[in-house]
Protein backbone atom coordinates (compact mmCIF):
# COMPACT_ATOMS: atom_id res chain seq x y z
CA MET A 1 -0.20 -0.05 -0.04
CA LYS A 2 2.80 2.22 -0.40
CA PHE A 3 1.26 4.18 -3.11
CA LEU A 4 -1.62 5.00 -0.70
CA THR A 5 1.21 6.95 1.48
CA GLU A 6 3.19 8.27 -1.68
CA ALA A 7 -0.36 9.90 -3.10
CA ILE A 8 -1.14 11.84 0.62
CA GLY A 9 2.28 12.61 1.33
CA GLY A 10 2.29 15.38 -1.33
CA LEU A 11 -0.30 17.44 0.35
CA LYS A 12 0.54 20.27 2.99
CA GLU A 13 -2.53 19.26 5.05
CA PHE A 14 -1.09 15.88 5.56
CA GLY A 15 2.53 17.34 6.43
CA ALA A 16 1.52 19.87 8.79
CA LEU A 17 0.12 16.76 10.48
CA LYS A 18 2.71 14.76 10.34
CA THR A 19 5.09 17.58 12.00
CA ALA A 20 2.27 17.41 14.29
CA VAL A 21 2.37 13.67 15.74
CA GLN A 22 6.50 14.03 15.17
CA SER A 23 6.64 17.23 17.59
CA ARG A 24 4.04 15.24 19.81
CA ALA A 25 2.04 18.41 19.50
CA LEU A 26 -0.88 16.10 20.34
CA PRO A 27 -4.18 15.56 20.27
CA ALA A 28 -4.51 16.40 16.37
CA ALA A 29 -7.89 16.43 14.95
CA VAL A 30 -8.88 15.80 11.57
CA THR A 31 -12.03 16.65 9.75
CA GLY A 32 -14.19 17.11 6.62
CA VAL A 33 -12.80 13.48 5.33
CA THR A 34 -14.56 10.15 4.58
CA GLY A 35 -14.21 6.95 6.34
CA VAL A 36 -11.75 5.85 3.86
CA HIS A 37 -9.44 8.75 3.38
CA LYS A 38 -9.20 8.83 7.17
CA ALA A 39 -7.75 5.51 7.39
CA ASN A 40 -5.79 6.48 4.22
CA ILE A 41 -4.20 9.47 6.47
CA ILE A 42 -3.93 6.61 9.60
CA TYR A 43 -2.12 4.56 7.87
CA SER A 44 0.15 6.51 6.03
CA LEU A 45 1.14 8.21 9.24
CA CYS A 46 1.67 4.76 11.19
CA SER A 47 3.93 3.63 8.31
CA LEU A 48 5.96 6.97 7.53
CA LEU A 49 6.67 7.04 11.53
CA GLY A 50 6.32 3.51 12.90
CA ARG A 51 3.77 4.61 15.27
CA ARG A 52 0.76 3.40 16.52
CA ALA A 53 -2.79 5.25 16.64
CA PHE A 54 -5.47 5.97 19.30
CA VAL A 55 -8.31 6.84 16.77
CA VAL A 56 -12.25 7.97 18.63
CA ALA A 57 -15.08 6.94 15.81
CA GLY A 58 -18.49 8.78 15.93
CA ASP A 59 -20.46 5.68 16.44
CA GLU A 60 -19.96 1.74 16.22
CA PRO A 61 -20.58 0.98 12.54
CA GLU A 62 -18.19 4.01 11.31
CA ALA A 63 -15.74 2.25 13.87
CA ASN A 64 -16.03 -1.32 12.21
CA ARG A 65 -15.34 0.56 8.88
CA LEU A 66 -12.33 1.83 9.53
CA CYS A 67 -11.18 -1.28 11.49
CA ALA A 68 -12.04 -2.82 7.99
CA ASP A 69 -10.54 -0.21 5.72
CA LEU A 70 -7.44 -0.13 8.07
CA GLY A 71 -7.10 -4.12 8.07
CA ALA A 72 -7.58 -3.65 4.16
CA MET A 73 -4.69 -1.30 3.73
CA GLY A 74 -2.24 -4.28 6.00
CA LEU A 75 -2.43 -2.04 9.18
CA PRO A 76 -4.04 -4.37 12.34
CA ALA A 77 -6.35 -2.54 14.01
CA LEU A 78 -8.25 -3.15 17.23
CA PHE A 79 -11.98 -2.33 17.94
CA TYR A 80 -13.39 -1.78 21.42
CA PRO A 81 -17.23 -1.47 21.64
CA LEU A 82 -19.16 0.93 23.56
CA ARG A 83 -20.35 -1.93 25.97
CA ASP A 84 -16.79 -3.08 26.87
CA PHE A 85 -16.53 0.66 28.57
CA THR A 86 -19.59 0.63 30.70
């Protein structure tokens, strides 16, 4: 999936997010992108920086889709449903 990282790597917004993660200026938020694009951003950051990510989704269906998208890209993801926290 290197082509995904290369495709997004040239965007200035991605560069700013990558810099924020590298300098630990966290937490960071990304808004206005679709689910698969969220997965691409997470995948690319984790791949380029050799780090893991903690992601909070809006609801369980979104979290399931995000986990599936990340898994399809080769990045293992864990899903913790709300019921595990209540």
